[in-house]
Amino acid sequence: MRVVEYLAEDALTPKTRKELAEALDISPDAAWRTLWNLREAGWVEEAGGGYRIAPRIVVIADSFRRALADTIKKYSSGGSEE
């Protein structure tokens, strides 16, 4: 999660594995493994010689926002949808 949070700080600017490893104080191997797993899951993408957050993150965030809005609407309208 630290990797995702770091990349999200400047979501459109690709970061290299070296930048990531140095910023998070992890080994280059750990940075590579993490980025590989996140890329396979569709959470990051390679771009401009580095890695950045992929659009998949936006899809996940939008899904959460819709679920939250539906829950708020449900409970603010009296709590019953019978």
PDB file of N, CA and C in Angstrom:
ATOM      1  N   MET A   1       0.821  -1.195   0.000  1.00  0.00           N
ATOM      2  CA  MET A   1       0.000   0.000   0.000  1.00  0.00           C
ATOM      3  C   MET A   1       0.863   1.255   0.000  1.00  0.00           C
ATOM      4  N   ARG A   2       2.016   1.191   0.634  1.00  0.00           N
ATOM      5  CA  ARG A   2       2.905   2.360   0.635  1.00  0.00           C
ATOM      6  C   ARG A   2       3.304   2.744  -0.787  1.00  0.00           C
ATOM      7  N   VAL A   3       3.496   1.749  -1.631  1.00  0.00           N
ATOM      8  CA  VAL A   3       3.874   2.013  -3.021  1.00  0.00           C
ATOM      9  C   VAL A   3       2.727   2.722  -3.741  1.00  0.00           C
ATOM     10  N   VAL A   4       1.519   2.228  -3.583  1.00  0.00           N
ATOM     11  CA  VAL A   4       0.365   2.851  -4.223  1.00  0.00           C
ATOM     12  C   VAL A   4       0.197   4.278  -3.712  1.00  0.00           C
ATOM     13  N   GLU A   5       0.299   4.475  -2.408  1.00  0.00           N
ATOM     14  CA  GLU A   5       0.160   5.813  -1.838  1.00  0.00           C
ATOM     15  C   GLU A   5       1.246   6.752  -2.361  1.00  0.00           C
ATOM     16  N   TYR A   6       2.470   6.262  -2.471  1.00  0.00           N
ATOM     17  CA  TYR A   6       3.564   7.086  -2.982  1.00  0.00           C
ATOM     18  C   TYR A   6       3.300   7.483  -4.431  1.00  0.00           C
ATOM     19  N   LEU A   7       2.913   6.527  -5.254  1.00  0.00           N
ATOM     20  CA  LEU A   7       2.642   6.831  -6.661  1.00  0.00           C
ATOM     21  C   LEU A   7       1.448   7.768  -6.803  1.00  0.00           C
ATOM     22  N   ALA A   8       0.491   7.673  -5.905  1.00  0.00           N
ATOM     23  CA  ALA A   8      -0.706   8.508  -5.971  1.00  0.00           C
ATOM     24  C   ALA A   8      -0.431   9.965  -5.604  1.00  0.00           C
ATOM     25  N   GLU A   9       0.658  10.225  -4.891  1.00  0.00           N
ATOM     26  CA  GLU A   9       0.988  11.598  -4.506  1.00  0.00           C
ATOM     27  C   GLU A   9       1.148  12.500  -5.725  1.00  0.00           C
ATOM     28  N   ASP A  10       1.660  11.964  -6.799  1.00  0.00           N
ATOM     29  CA  ASP A  10       1.825  12.684  -8.059  1.00  0.00           C
ATOM     30  C   ASP A  10       1.466  11.696  -9.166  1.00  0.00           C
ATOM     31  N   ALA A  11       0.181  11.401  -9.253  1.00  0.00           N
ATOM     32  CA  ALA A  11      -0.320  10.257 -10.015  1.00  0.00           C
ATOM     33  C   ALA A  11       0.055  10.243 -11.491  1.00  0.00           C
ATOM     34  N   LEU A  12       0.268  11.370 -12.102  1.00  0.00           N
ATOM     35  CA  LEU A  12       0.545  11.390 -13.534  1.00  0.00           C
ATOM     36  C   LEU A  12       2.033  11.375 -13.871  1.00  0.00           C
ATOM     37  N   THR A  13       2.878  11.489 -12.863  1.00  0.00           N
ATOM     38  CA  THR A  13       4.322  11.503 -13.090  1.00  0.00           C
ATOM     39  C   THR A  13       4.908  10.133 -12.798  1.00  0.00           C
ATOM     40  N   PRO A  14       5.419   9.457 -13.837  1.00  0.00           N
ATOM     41  CA  PRO A  14       6.020   8.132 -13.614  1.00  0.00           C
ATOM     42  C   PRO A  14       7.235   8.204 -12.695  1.00  0.00           C
ATOM     43  N   LYS A  15       7.378   7.191 -11.869  1.00  0.00           N
ATOM     44  CA  LYS A  15       8.534   7.068 -10.970  1.00  0.00           C
ATOM     45  C   LYS A  15       9.292   5.799 -11.340  1.00  0.00           C
ATOM     46  N   THR A  16      10.607   5.865 -11.293  1.00  0.00           N
ATOM     47  CA  THR A  16      11.419   4.687 -11.580  1.00  0.00           C
ATOM     48  C   THR A  16      11.464   3.786 -10.349  1.00  0.00           C
ATOM     49  N   ARG A  17      11.909   2.550 -10.565  1.00  0.00           N
ATOM     50  CA  ARG A  17      12.069   1.631  -9.426  1.00  0.00           C
ATOM     51  C   ARG A  17      13.060   2.211  -8.433  1.00  0.00           C
ATOM     52  N   LYS A  18      14.108   2.832  -8.928  1.00  0.00           N
ATOM     53  CA  LYS A  18      15.124   3.402  -8.041  1.00  0.00           C
ATOM     54  C   LYS A  18      14.524   4.523  -7.182  1.00  0.00           C
ATOM     55  N   GLU A  19      13.764   5.413  -7.800  1.00  0.00           N
ATOM     56  CA  GLU A  19      13.120   6.498  -7.046  1.00  0.00           C
ATOM     57  C   GLU A  19      12.191   5.929  -5.974  1.00  0.00           C
ATOM     58  N   LEU A  20      11.439   4.934  -6.360  1.00  0.00           N
ATOM     59  CA  LEU A  20      10.512   4.298  -5.440  1.00  0.00           C
ATOM     60  C   LEU A  20      11.249   3.659  -4.261  1.00  0.00           C
ATOM     61  N   ALA A  21      12.285   2.897  -4.562  1.00  0.00           N
ATOM     62  CA  ALA A  21      13.059   2.221  -3.513  1.00  0.00           C
ATOM     63  C   ALA A  21      13.667   3.233  -2.541  1.00  0.00           C
ATOM     64  N   GLU A  22      14.237   4.297  -3.089  1.00  0.00           N
ATOM     65  CA  GLU A  22      14.862   5.314  -2.229  1.00  0.00           C
ATOM     66  C   GLU A  22      13.825   6.052  -1.393  1.00  0.00           C
ATOM     67  N   ALA A  23      12.707   6.422  -1.993  1.00  0.00           N
ATOM     68  CA  ALA A  23      11.686   7.193  -1.278  1.00  0.00           C
ATOM     69  C   ALA A  23      11.052   6.386  -0.150  1.00  0.00           C
ATOM     70  N   LEU A  24      10.904   5.079  -0.361  1.00  0.00           N
ATOM     71  CA  LEU A  24      10.227   4.241   0.634  1.00  0.00           C
ATOM     72  C   LEU A  24      11.190   3.422   1.484  1.00  0.00           C
ATOM     73  N   ASP A  25      12.478   3.605   1.231  1.00  0.00           N
ATOM     74  CA  ASP A  25      13.515   2.887   1.975  1.00  0.00           C
ATOM     75  C   ASP A  25      13.292   1.373   1.920  1.00  0.00           C
ATOM     76  N   ILE A  26      13.128   0.890   0.684  1.00  0.00           N
ATOM     77  CA  ILE A  26      13.015  -0.548   0.449  1.00  0.00           C
ATOM     78  C   ILE A  26      14.075  -0.945  -0.570  1.00  0.00           C
ATOM     79  N   SER A  27      14.348  -2.221  -0.666  1.00  0.00           N
ATOM     80  CA  SER A  27      15.359  -2.675  -1.610  1.00  0.00           C
ATOM     81  C   SER A  27      14.832  -2.550  -3.038  1.00  0.00           C
ATOM     82  N   PRO A  28      15.739  -2.390  -3.999  1.00  0.00           N
ATOM     83  CA  PRO A  28      15.314  -2.358  -5.404  1.00  0.00           C
ATOM     84  C   PRO A  28      14.564  -3.630  -5.805  1.00  0.00           C
ATOM     85  N   ASP A  29      14.971  -4.770  -5.247  1.00  0.00           N
ATOM     86  CA  ASP A  29      14.271  -6.024  -5.545  1.00  0.00           C
ATOM     87  C   ASP A  29      12.836  -5.989  -5.017  1.00  0.00           C
ATOM     88  N   ALA A  30      12.651  -5.472  -3.808  1.00  0.00           N
ATOM     89  CA  ALA A  30      11.301  -5.366  -3.247  1.00  0.00           C
ATOM     90  C   ALA A  30      10.456  -4.405  -4.081  1.00  0.00           C
ATOM     91  N   ALA A  31      11.072  -3.315  -4.530  1.00  0.00           N
ATOM     92  CA  ALA A  31      10.355  -2.360  -5.383  1.00  0.00           C
ATOM     93  C   ALA A  31       9.934  -3.036  -6.682  1.00  0.00           C
ATOM     94  N   TRP A  32      10.835  -3.802  -7.290  1.00  0.00           N
ATOM     95  CA  TRP A  32      10.517  -4.486  -8.549  1.00  0.00           C
ATOM     96  C   TRP A  32       9.382  -5.486  -8.360  1.00  0.00           C
ATOM     97  N   ARG A  33       9.470  -6.315  -7.316  1.00  0.00           N
ATOM     98  CA  ARG A  33       8.429  -7.319  -7.070  1.00  0.00           C
ATOM     99  C   ARG A  33       7.070  -6.669  -6.832  1.00  0.00           C
ATOM    100  N   THR A  34       7.079  -5.599  -6.060  1.00  0.00           N
ATOM    101  CA  THR A  34       5.829  -4.909  -5.754  1.00  0.00           C
ATOM    102  C   THR A  34       5.224  -4.295  -7.014  1.00  0.00           C
ATOM    103  N   LEU A  35       6.053  -3.620  -7.789  1.00  0.00           N
ATOM    104  CA  LEU A  35       5.559  -3.020  -9.029  1.00  0.00           C
ATOM    105  C   LEU A  35       5.061  -4.077 -10.007  1.00  0.00           C
ATOM    106  N   TRP A  36       5.768  -5.197 -10.069  1.00  0.00           N
ATOM    107  CA  TRP A  36       5.343  -6.273 -10.966  1.00  0.00           C
ATOM    108  C   TRP A  36       3.962  -6.779 -10.564  1.00  0.00           C
ATOM    109  N   ASN A  37       3.767  -7.023  -9.269  1.00  0.00           N
ATOM    110  CA  ASN A  37       2.471  -7.507  -8.778  1.00  0.00           C
ATOM    111  C   ASN A  37       1.364  -6.478  -9.014  1.00  0.00           C
ATOM    112  N   LEU A  38       1.661  -5.213  -8.758  1.00  0.00           N
ATOM    113  CA  LEU A  38       0.665  -4.170  -8.973  1.00  0.00           C
ATOM    114  C   LEU A  38       0.332  -4.022 -10.454  1.00  0.00           C
ATOM    115  N   ARG A  39       1.329  -4.166 -11.314  1.00  0.00           N
ATOM    116  CA  ARG A  39       1.089  -4.097 -12.759  1.00  0.00           C
ATOM    117  C   ARG A  39       0.219  -5.269 -13.206  1.00  0.00           C
ATOM    118  N   GLU A  40       0.512  -6.455 -12.698  1.00  0.00           N
ATOM    119  CA  GLU A  40      -0.288  -7.628 -13.049  1.00  0.00           C
ATOM    120  C   GLU A  40      -1.744  -7.467 -12.615  1.00  0.00           C
ATOM    121  N   ALA A  41      -1.968  -6.788 -11.499  1.00  0.00           N
ATOM    122  CA  ALA A  41      -3.315  -6.560 -10.986  1.00  0.00           C
ATOM    123  C   ALA A  41      -4.010  -5.392 -11.687  1.00  0.00           C
ATOM    124  N   GLY A  42      -3.262  -4.637 -12.494  1.00  0.00           N
ATOM    125  CA  GLY A  42      -3.834  -3.502 -13.201  1.00  0.00           C
ATOM    126  C   GLY A  42      -3.862  -2.214 -12.399  1.00  0.00           C
ATOM    127  N   TRP A  43      -3.131  -2.181 -11.283  1.00  0.00           N
ATOM    128  CA  TRP A  43      -3.129  -0.995 -10.432  1.00  0.00           C
ATOM    129  C   TRP A  43      -2.063   0.020 -10.830  1.00  0.00           C
ATOM    130  N   VAL A  44      -0.992  -0.403 -11.478  1.00  0.00           N
ATOM    131  CA  VAL A  44       0.022   0.521 -11.997  1.00  0.00           C
ATOM    132  C   VAL A  44       0.294   0.159 -13.452  1.00  0.00           C
ATOM    133  N   GLU A  45       0.863   1.131 -14.168  1.00  0.00           N
ATOM    134  CA  GLU A  45       1.234   0.910 -15.554  1.00  0.00           C
ATOM    135  C   GLU A  45       2.613   1.503 -15.803  1.00  0.00           C
ATOM    136  N   GLU A  46       3.302   0.945 -16.791  1.00  0.00           N
ATOM    137  CA  GLU A  46       4.595   1.490 -17.184  1.00  0.00           C
ATOM    138  C   GLU A  46       4.350   2.657 -18.132  1.00  0.00           C
ATOM    139  N   ALA A  47       5.079   3.736 -17.896  1.00  0.00           N
ATOM    140  CA  ALA A  47       4.942   4.924 -18.741  1.00  0.00           C
ATOM    141  C   ALA A  47       6.161   5.810 -18.557  1.00  0.00           C
ATOM    142  N   GLY A  48       6.646   6.364 -19.621  1.00  0.00           N
ATOM    143  CA  GLY A  48       7.725   7.346 -19.541  1.00  0.00           C
ATOM    144  C   GLY A  48       8.957   6.886 -18.801  1.00  0.00           C
ATOM    145  N   GLY A  49       9.314   5.615 -18.933  1.00  0.00           N
ATOM    146  CA  GLY A  49      10.503   5.098 -18.267  1.00  0.00           C
ATOM    147  C   GLY A  49      10.313   4.784 -16.797  1.00  0.00           C
ATOM    148  N   GLY A  50       9.077   4.782 -16.339  1.00  0.00           N
ATOM    149  CA  GLY A  50       8.807   4.483 -14.938  1.00  0.00           C
ATOM    150  C   GLY A  50       7.429   3.878 -14.775  1.00  0.00           C
ATOM    151  N   TYR A  51       6.881   4.038 -13.600  1.00  0.00           N
ATOM    152  CA  TYR A  51       5.574   3.479 -13.269  1.00  0.00           C
ATOM    153  C   TYR A  51       4.694   4.569 -12.672  1.00  0.00           C
ATOM    154  N   ARG A  52       3.405   4.466 -12.953  1.00  0.00           N
ATOM    155  CA  ARG A  52       2.436   5.400 -12.371  1.00  0.00           C
ATOM    156  C   ARG A  52       1.133   4.644 -12.107  1.00  0.00           C
ATOM    157  N   ILE A  53       0.265   5.276 -11.358  1.00  0.00           N
ATOM    158  CA  ILE A  53      -1.037   4.703 -11.052  1.00  0.00           C
ATOM    159  C   ILE A  53      -1.793   4.491 -12.367  1.00  0.00           C
ATOM    160  N   ALA A  54      -2.446   3.343 -12.475  1.00  0.00           N
ATOM    161  CA  ALA A  54      -3.222   3.023 -13.673  1.00  0.00           C
ATOM    162  C   ALA A  54      -4.675   3.469 -13.493  1.00  0.00           C
ATOM    163  N   PRO A  55      -5.390   3.635 -14.589  1.00  0.00           N
ATOM    164  CA  PRO A  55      -6.797   4.035 -14.496  1.00  0.00           C
ATOM    165  C   PRO A  55      -7.663   3.077 -13.682  1.00  0.00           C
ATOM    166  N   ARG A  56      -7.245   1.848 -13.502  1.00  0.00           N
ATOM    167  CA  ARG A  56      -8.003   0.874 -12.705  1.00  0.00           C
ATOM    168  C   ARG A  56      -8.290   1.410 -11.305  1.00  0.00           C
ATOM    169  N   ILE A  57      -7.367   2.177 -10.766  1.00  0.00           N
ATOM    170  CA  ILE A  57      -7.558   2.761  -9.429  1.00  0.00           C
ATOM    171  C   ILE A  57      -8.778   3.684  -9.428  1.00  0.00           C
ATOM    172  N   VAL A  58      -8.979   4.432 -10.497  1.00  0.00           N
ATOM    173  CA  VAL A  58     -10.121   5.335 -10.594  1.00  0.00           C
ATOM    174  C   VAL A  58     -11.419   4.538 -10.610  1.00  0.00           C
ATOM    175  N   VAL A  59     -11.428   3.422 -11.310  1.00  0.00           N
ATOM    176  CA  VAL A  59     -12.611   2.560 -11.358  1.00  0.00           C
ATOM    177  C   VAL A  59     -12.957   2.061  -9.957  1.00  0.00           C
ATOM    178  N   ILE A  60     -11.944   1.652  -9.216  1.00  0.00           N
ATOM    179  CA  ILE A  60     -12.156   1.176  -7.844  1.00  0.00           C
ATOM    180  C   ILE A  60     -12.689   2.311  -6.966  1.00  0.00           C
ATOM    181  N   ALA A  61     -12.092   3.493  -7.081  1.00  0.00           N
ATOM    182  CA  ALA A  61     -12.532   4.637  -6.288  1.00  0.00           C
ATOM    183  C   ALA A  61     -13.964   5.035  -6.633  1.00  0.00           C
ATOM    184  N   ASP A  62     -14.311   5.018  -7.915  1.00  0.00           N
ATOM    185  CA  ASP A  62     -15.674   5.361  -8.323  1.00  0.00           C
ATOM    186  C   ASP A  62     -16.682   4.355  -7.778  1.00  0.00           C
ATOM    187  N   SER A  63     -16.329   3.093  -7.785  1.00  0.00           N
ATOM    188  CA  SER A  63     -17.204   2.056  -7.245  1.00  0.00           C
ATOM    189  C   SER A  63     -17.450   2.290  -5.752  1.00  0.00           C
ATOM    190  N   PHE A  64     -16.397   2.635  -5.036  1.00  0.00           N
ATOM    191  CA  PHE A  64     -16.532   2.914  -3.608  1.00  0.00           C
ATOM    192  C   PHE A  64     -17.414   4.139  -3.376  1.00  0.00           C
ATOM    193  N   ARG A  65     -17.191   5.199  -4.166  1.00  0.00           N
ATOM    194  CA  ARG A  65     -17.996   6.419  -4.009  1.00  0.00           C
ATOM    195  C   ARG A  65     -19.483   6.140  -4.263  1.00  0.00           C
ATOM    196  N   ARG A  66     -19.782   5.335  -5.285  1.00  0.00           N
ATOM    197  CA  ARG A  66     -21.181   5.001  -5.571  1.00  0.00           C
ATOM    198  C   ARG A  66     -21.793   4.211  -4.413  1.00  0.00           C
ATOM    199  N   ALA A  67     -21.065   3.230  -3.894  1.00  0.00           N
ATOM    200  CA  ALA A  67     -21.573   2.427  -2.783  1.00  0.00           C
ATOM    201  C   ALA A  67     -21.803   3.300  -1.548  1.00  0.00           C
ATOM    202  N   LEU A  68     -20.878   4.192  -1.288  1.00  0.00           N
ATOM    203  CA  LEU A  68     -21.020   5.094  -0.143  1.00  0.00           C
ATOM    204  C   LEU A  68     -22.213   6.018  -0.325  1.00  0.00           C
ATOM    205  N   ALA A  69     -22.371   6.581  -1.515  1.00  0.00           N
ATOM    206  CA  ALA A  69     -23.506   7.473  -1.782  1.00  0.00           C
ATOM    207  C   ALA A  69     -24.823   6.724  -1.633  1.00  0.00           C
ATOM    208  N   ASP A  70     -24.882   5.489  -2.132  1.00  0.00           N
ATOM    209  CA  ASP A  70     -26.095   4.680  -1.992  1.00  0.00           C
ATOM    210  C   ASP A  70     -26.415   4.411  -0.528  1.00  0.00           C
ATOM    211  N   THR A  71     -25.401   4.133   0.262  1.00  0.00           N
ATOM    212  CA  THR A  71     -25.604   3.867   1.689  1.00  0.00           C
ATOM    213  C   THR A  71     -26.095   5.123   2.403  1.00  0.00           C
ATOM    214  N   ILE A  72     -25.486   6.245   2.103  1.00  0.00           N
ATOM    215  CA  ILE A  72     -25.912   7.509   2.727  1.00  0.00           C
ATOM    216  C   ILE A  72     -27.351   7.818   2.338  1.00  0.00           C
ATOM    217  N   LYS A  73     -27.674   7.640   1.070  1.00  0.00           N
ATOM    218  CA  LYS A  73     -29.037   7.911   0.601  1.00  0.00           C
ATOM    219  C   LYS A  73     -30.042   6.996   1.307  1.00  0.00           C
ATOM    220  N   LYS A  74     -29.673   5.729   1.418  1.00  0.00           N
ATOM    221  CA  LYS A  74     -30.559   4.749   2.062  1.00  0.00           C
ATOM    222  C   LYS A  74     -30.861   5.139   3.514  1.00  0.00           C
ATOM    223  N   TYR A  75     -29.836   5.486   4.258  1.00  0.00           N
ATOM    224  CA  TYR A  75     -30.015   5.763   5.682  1.00  0.00           C
ATOM    225  C   TYR A  75     -30.468   7.186   5.974  1.00  0.00           C
ATOM    226  N   SER A  76     -30.298   8.091   5.029  1.00  0.00           N
ATOM    227  CA  SER A  76     -30.776   9.454   5.270  1.00  0.00           C
ATOM    228  C   SER A  76     -32.230   9.621   4.844  1.00  0.00           C
ATOM    229  N   SER A  77     -32.765   8.621   4.151  1.00  0.00           N
ATOM    230  CA  SER A  77     -34.169   8.708   3.723  1.00  0.00           C
ATOM    231  C   SER A  77     -35.085   7.899   4.637  1.00  0.00           C
ATOM    232  N   GLY A  78     -34.664   7.673   5.844  1.00  0.00           N
ATOM    233  CA  GLY A  78     -35.515   6.975   6.799  1.00  0.00           C
ATOM    234  C   GLY A  78     -35.064   5.564   7.100  1.00  0.00           C
ATOM    235  N   GLY A  79     -34.094   5.052   6.345  1.00  0.00           N
ATOM    236  CA  GLY A  79     -33.527   3.759   6.650  1.00  0.00           C
ATOM    237  C   GLY A  79     -34.292   2.562   6.159  1.00  0.00           C
ATOM    238  N   SER A  80     -35.418   2.787   5.498  1.00  0.00           N
ATOM    239  CA  SER A  80     -36.208   1.640   5.058  1.00  0.00           C
ATOM    240  C   SER A  80     -36.498   1.764   3.574  1.00  0.00           C
ATOM    241  N   GLU A  81     -36.284   0.656   2.883  1.00  0.00           N
ATOM    242  CA  GLU A  81     -36.587   0.625   1.457  1.00  0.00           C
ATOM    243  C   GLU A  81     -37.563  -0.500   1.168  1.00  0.00           C
ATOM    244  N   GLU A  82     -38.441  -0.790   2.114  1.00  0.00           N
ATOM    245  CA  GLU A  82     -39.400  -1.901   1.963  1.00  0.00           C
ATOM    246  C   GLU A  82     -40.563  -1.497   1.127  1.00  0.00           C
TER     247      GLU A  82
END
